[in-house]
Amino acid sequence: MTSQAADRPDTVGASRRSKLTPEREQEFFDAVLDQIRQCGYDAVTMDAVAASTRCSKSTLYRQWKTKPQFVAAALRSNRRVRFADIDTGSLAEDLRQVARAAGDWSRRDSPLLQALGHAVVEDRELAQALREALVEPDVAAIRNILQRGVERGEVRADHPALECVPAQILGVLRIRPVLEGKEADEDYLLCFLEAAVLPALGLT
């Protein structure tokens, strides 16, 4: 799939989109995302995904005409709101729960984000799919947690640090592997939260 034109069957344009069960479609999505994590975006091919899922390359191309379309669909299928159920009644404790949850799933998401880094710069659809799947739901959930803290009177609504919290938490999650070659695991995120985020909000 490093060369989409060479890799794609000539009959794709004339083929109708075949019907797949949701389970089978998810199998394709999981396979392509796993291969991106393991091999990097550029190294993944339709042949490899087809082999790992025991289907023909033509089957994949009937569903998704290009590699970016396929990967974008896979990302959207894995959209998760990971912080939605966090509500302890305390803003500081809610943010600690966010740090624990983020540290837990960073082992799986960080390699995927790094592998897609250059590709999302070049492909707008892929970039948007990545935002919809792995960025926007988490940002929205953190903002909801912050808003509940405002409504409880734990922090004032015009506190300048509120706007920065999603970028602080999600930013350090993404950048630590680049800067230090280490995951932003639960211990690291909790330390960062206690040292930087909570003091900025005036919380303990």
Protein backbone atom coordinates (compact mmCIF):
# COMPACT_ATOMS: atom_id res chain seq x y z
CA MET A 1 0.00 0.00 0.00
CA THR A 2 2.98 2.30 -0.32
CA SER A 3 1.75 2.81 -3.88
CA GLN A 4 -2.01 2.91 -3.93
CA ALA A 5 -2.34 3.04 -7.70
CA ALA A 6 -0.18 -0.03 -8.19
CA ASP A 7 -1.81 -1.89 -5.36
CA ARG A 8 -5.42 -1.30 -6.29
CA PRO A 9 -7.37 -3.62 -8.63
CA ASP A 10 -8.60 -2.00 -11.85
CA THR A 11 -12.09 -3.35 -11.23
CA VAL A 12 -12.64 -1.42 -8.02
CA GLY A 13 -14.35 1.53 -9.67
CA ALA A 14 -16.94 -0.71 -11.26
CA SER A 15 -17.52 -2.87 -8.20
CA ARG A 16 -20.41 -2.38 -5.86
CA ARG A 17 -19.79 -2.08 -2.15
CA SER A 18 -20.33 -5.55 -0.77
CA LYS A 19 -22.17 -6.23 2.47
CA LEU A 20 -20.17 -7.15 5.52
CA THR A 21 -21.38 -7.98 8.97
CA PRO A 22 -20.40 -5.40 11.61
CA GLU A 23 -18.23 -8.05 13.25
CA ARG A 24 -16.34 -8.78 10.04
CA GLU A 25 -15.90 -5.09 9.30
CA GLN A 26 -14.52 -4.51 12.79
CA GLU A 27 -12.09 -7.38 12.24
CA PHE A 28 -10.66 -5.51 9.25
CA PHE A 29 -10.48 -2.27 11.24
CA ASP A 30 -8.71 -3.92 14.17
CA ALA A 31 -6.25 -5.62 11.82
CA VAL A 32 -5.20 -2.45 10.02
CA LEU A 33 -4.79 -0.46 13.26
CA ASP A 34 -2.76 -3.27 14.84
CA GLN A 35 -0.47 -3.37 11.81
CA ILE A 36 0.01 0.38 11.91
CA ARG A 37 1.04 0.12 15.57
CA GLN A 38 3.49 -2.67 14.80
CA CYS A 39 4.91 -1.62 11.44
CA GLY A 40 4.11 2.05 10.89
CA TYR A 41 1.63 3.56 8.49
CA ASP A 42 3.77 3.49 5.35
CA ALA A 43 4.65 -0.19 5.74
CA VAL A 44 1.03 -1.39 5.95
CA THR A 45 -0.41 -2.88 2.76
CA MET A 46 -3.79 -4.15 1.68
CA ASP A 47 -2.11 -7.49 0.97
CA ALA A 48 -0.96 -7.77 4.59
CA VAL A 49 -4.36 -6.84 6.01
CA ALA A 50 -6.08 -9.26 3.62
CA ALA A 51 -3.73 -12.06 4.63
CA SER A 52 -4.19 -11.48 8.34
CA THR A 53 -7.99 -11.42 8.01
CA ARG A 54 -8.19 -14.20 5.40
CA CYS A 55 -9.95 -12.22 2.71
CA SER A 56 -9.07 -10.98 -0.76
CA LYS A 57 -7.51 -7.61 -1.42
CA SER A 58 -10.41 -6.87 -3.77
CA THR A 59 -12.84 -7.26 -0.88
CA LEU A 60 -11.06 -4.51 1.02
CA TYR A 61 -10.94 -2.22 -2.00
CA ARG A 62 -14.65 -2.68 -2.64
CA GLN A 63 -15.26 -1.26 0.82
CA TRP A 64 -12.56 1.41 0.94
CA LYS A 65 -11.05 2.64 -2.28
CA THR A 66 -7.82 4.03 -0.82
CA LYS A 67 -5.58 3.33 2.12
CA PRO A 68 -6.34 6.67 3.86
CA GLN A 69 -10.09 6.00 3.53
CA PHE A 70 -9.65 2.55 5.06
CA VAL A 71 -7.56 3.82 7.97
CA ALA A 72 -9.91 6.78 8.54
CA ALA A 73 -12.87 4.39 8.73
CA ALA A 74 -10.95 2.18 11.15
CA LEU A 75 -10.16 5.15 13.39
CA ARG A 76 -13.78 6.28 13.44
CA SER A 77 -14.91 2.76 14.31
CA ASN A 78 -12.68 2.88 17.38
CA ARG A 79 -14.05 6.18 18.66
CA ARG A 80 -14.24 5.99 22.45
CA VAL A 81 -15.28 8.40 25.17
CA ARG A 82 -12.97 7.14 27.87
CA PHE A 83 -13.66 9.67 30.62
CA ALA A 84 -17.44 9.93 30.33
CA ASP A 85 -18.20 7.84 33.43
CA ILE A 86 -15.85 9.74 35.74
CA ASP A 87 -17.83 11.72 38.31
CA THR A 88 -16.61 11.41 41.90
CA GLY A 89 -18.13 14.67 43.12
CA SER A 90 -14.68 16.27 43.41
CA LEU A 91 -12.86 18.03 40.57
CA ALA A 92 -9.41 17.11 41.89
CA GLU A 93 -10.36 13.44 42.23
CA ASP A 94 -12.07 13.42 38.82
CA LEU A 95 -8.84 14.68 37.26
CA ARG A 96 -6.86 12.02 39.12
CA GLN A 97 -9.20 9.42 37.64
CA VAL A 98 -8.61 10.93 34.19
CA ALA A 99 -4.85 10.60 34.71
CA ARG A 100 -5.19 6.96 35.77
CA ALA A 101 -7.41 6.09 32.82
CA ALA A 102 -5.20 7.94 30.34
CA GLY A 103 -2.09 6.21 31.64
CA ASP A 104 -3.78 2.85 31.25
CA TRP A 105 -4.70 3.24 27.58
CA SER A 106 -1.64 5.23 26.52
CA ARG A 107 0.24 1.96 25.89
CA ARG A 108 -2.16 1.24 23.04
CA ASP A 109 -2.88 4.70 21.66
CA SER A 110 0.54 6.34 21.82
CA PRO A 111 2.18 3.96 19.29
CA LEU A 112 -0.77 4.47 16.95
CA LEU A 113 -0.56 8.26 17.16
CA GLN A 114 3.18 8.23 16.58
CA ALA A 115 2.84 5.87 13.62
CA LEU A 116 0.23 8.13 12.03
CA GLY A 117 2.16 11.34 12.69
CA HIS A 118 3.43 12.10 9.18
CA ALA A 119 0.43 10.61 7.38
CA VAL A 120 -2.09 12.87 9.10
CA VAL A 121 -0.10 15.92 8.07
CA GLU A 122 -0.43 14.90 4.42
CA ASP A 123 -4.04 13.69 4.43
CA ARG A 124 -6.83 15.94 5.68
CA GLU A 125 -9.44 13.20 5.90
CA LEU A 126 -7.12 11.02 7.95
CA ALA A 127 -6.28 13.93 10.24
CA GLN A 128 -9.96 14.66 10.82
CA ALA A 129 -10.71 11.01 11.51
CA LEU A 130 -7.88 10.91 14.06
CA ARG A 131 -9.26 13.98 15.79
CA GLU A 132 -12.79 12.55 15.83
CA ALA A 133 -11.63 9.18 17.19
CA LEU A 134 -8.86 9.96 19.66
CA VAL A 135 -8.87 13.67 20.44
CA GLU A 136 -12.27 15.38 20.40
CA PRO A 137 -14.15 12.85 22.60
CA ASP A 138 -11.47 13.07 25.30
CA VAL A 139 -11.29 16.87 25.16
CA ALA A 140 -15.08 17.14 25.42
CA ALA A 141 -15.18 14.73 28.38
CA ILE A 142 -12.47 16.65 30.26
CA ARG A 143 -14.29 19.92 29.61
CA ASN A 144 -17.48 18.40 31.05
CA ILE A 145 -15.56 17.37 34.18
CA LEU A 146 -14.21 20.91 34.52
CA GLN A 147 -17.66 22.41 34.02
CA ARG A 148 -19.07 20.29 36.83
CA GLY A 149 -16.27 21.58 39.05
CA VAL A 150 -17.24 25.15 38.17
CA GLU A 151 -20.90 24.42 38.92
CA ARG A 152 -19.94 22.99 42.33
CA GLY A 153 -17.96 26.14 43.08
CA GLU A 154 -14.56 24.42 43.23
CA VAL A 155 -13.04 26.76 40.68
CA ARG A 156 -14.33 30.01 39.25
CA ALA A 157 -15.73 30.01 35.73
CA ASP A 158 -13.26 32.62 34.46
CA HIS A 159 -10.15 30.90 35.85
CA PRO A 160 -7.55 31.20 33.06
CA ALA A 161 -6.12 27.72 33.69
CA LEU A 162 -9.40 25.93 32.82
CA GLU A 163 -8.86 26.36 29.09
CA CYS A 164 -5.41 24.77 29.30
CA VAL A 165 -6.25 21.58 31.20
CA PRO A 166 -7.16 19.32 28.23
CA ALA A 167 -3.99 20.38 26.39
CA GLN A 168 -1.90 19.83 29.53
CA ILE A 169 -3.14 16.31 30.18
CA LEU A 170 -3.44 15.08 26.60
CA GLY A 171 -0.37 16.99 25.46
CA VAL A 172 2.00 15.41 27.97
CA LEU A 173 0.48 12.03 27.13
CA ARG A 174 1.48 12.48 23.49
CA ILE A 175 4.81 14.21 23.87
CA ARG A 176 6.62 12.24 26.58
CA PRO A 177 7.39 9.31 24.24
CA VAL A 178 8.97 11.82 21.84
CA LEU A 179 10.94 13.80 24.41
CA GLU A 180 12.05 11.02 26.73
CA GLY A 181 11.38 7.77 24.89
CA LYS A 182 9.07 6.66 27.69
CA GLU A 183 5.33 6.23 27.98
CA ALA A 184 3.29 8.70 29.95
CA ASP A 185 2.05 5.97 32.27
CA GLU A 186 -0.29 6.28 35.24
CA ASP A 187 2.44 7.19 37.74
CA TYR A 188 3.89 9.87 35.48
CA LEU A 189 0.52 11.42 34.69
CA LEU A 190 -0.50 11.49 38.35
CA CYS A 191 2.80 13.16 39.24
CA PHE A 192 2.31 15.72 36.47
CA LEU A 193 -1.25 16.36 37.60
CA GLU A 194 -0.27 16.93 41.22
CA ALA A 195 2.73 19.11 40.34
CA ALA A 196 1.33 21.21 37.48
CA VAL A 197 -2.38 20.90 36.77
CA LEU A 198 -4.00 20.96 40.22
CA PRO A 199 -1.83 23.83 41.54
CA ALA A 200 -2.68 25.87 38.44
CA LEU A 201 -6.38 25.44 39.28
CA GLY A 202 -5.82 26.18 42.98
CA LEU A 203 -6.77 22.60 43.94
CA THR A 204 -5.13 20.06 46.21
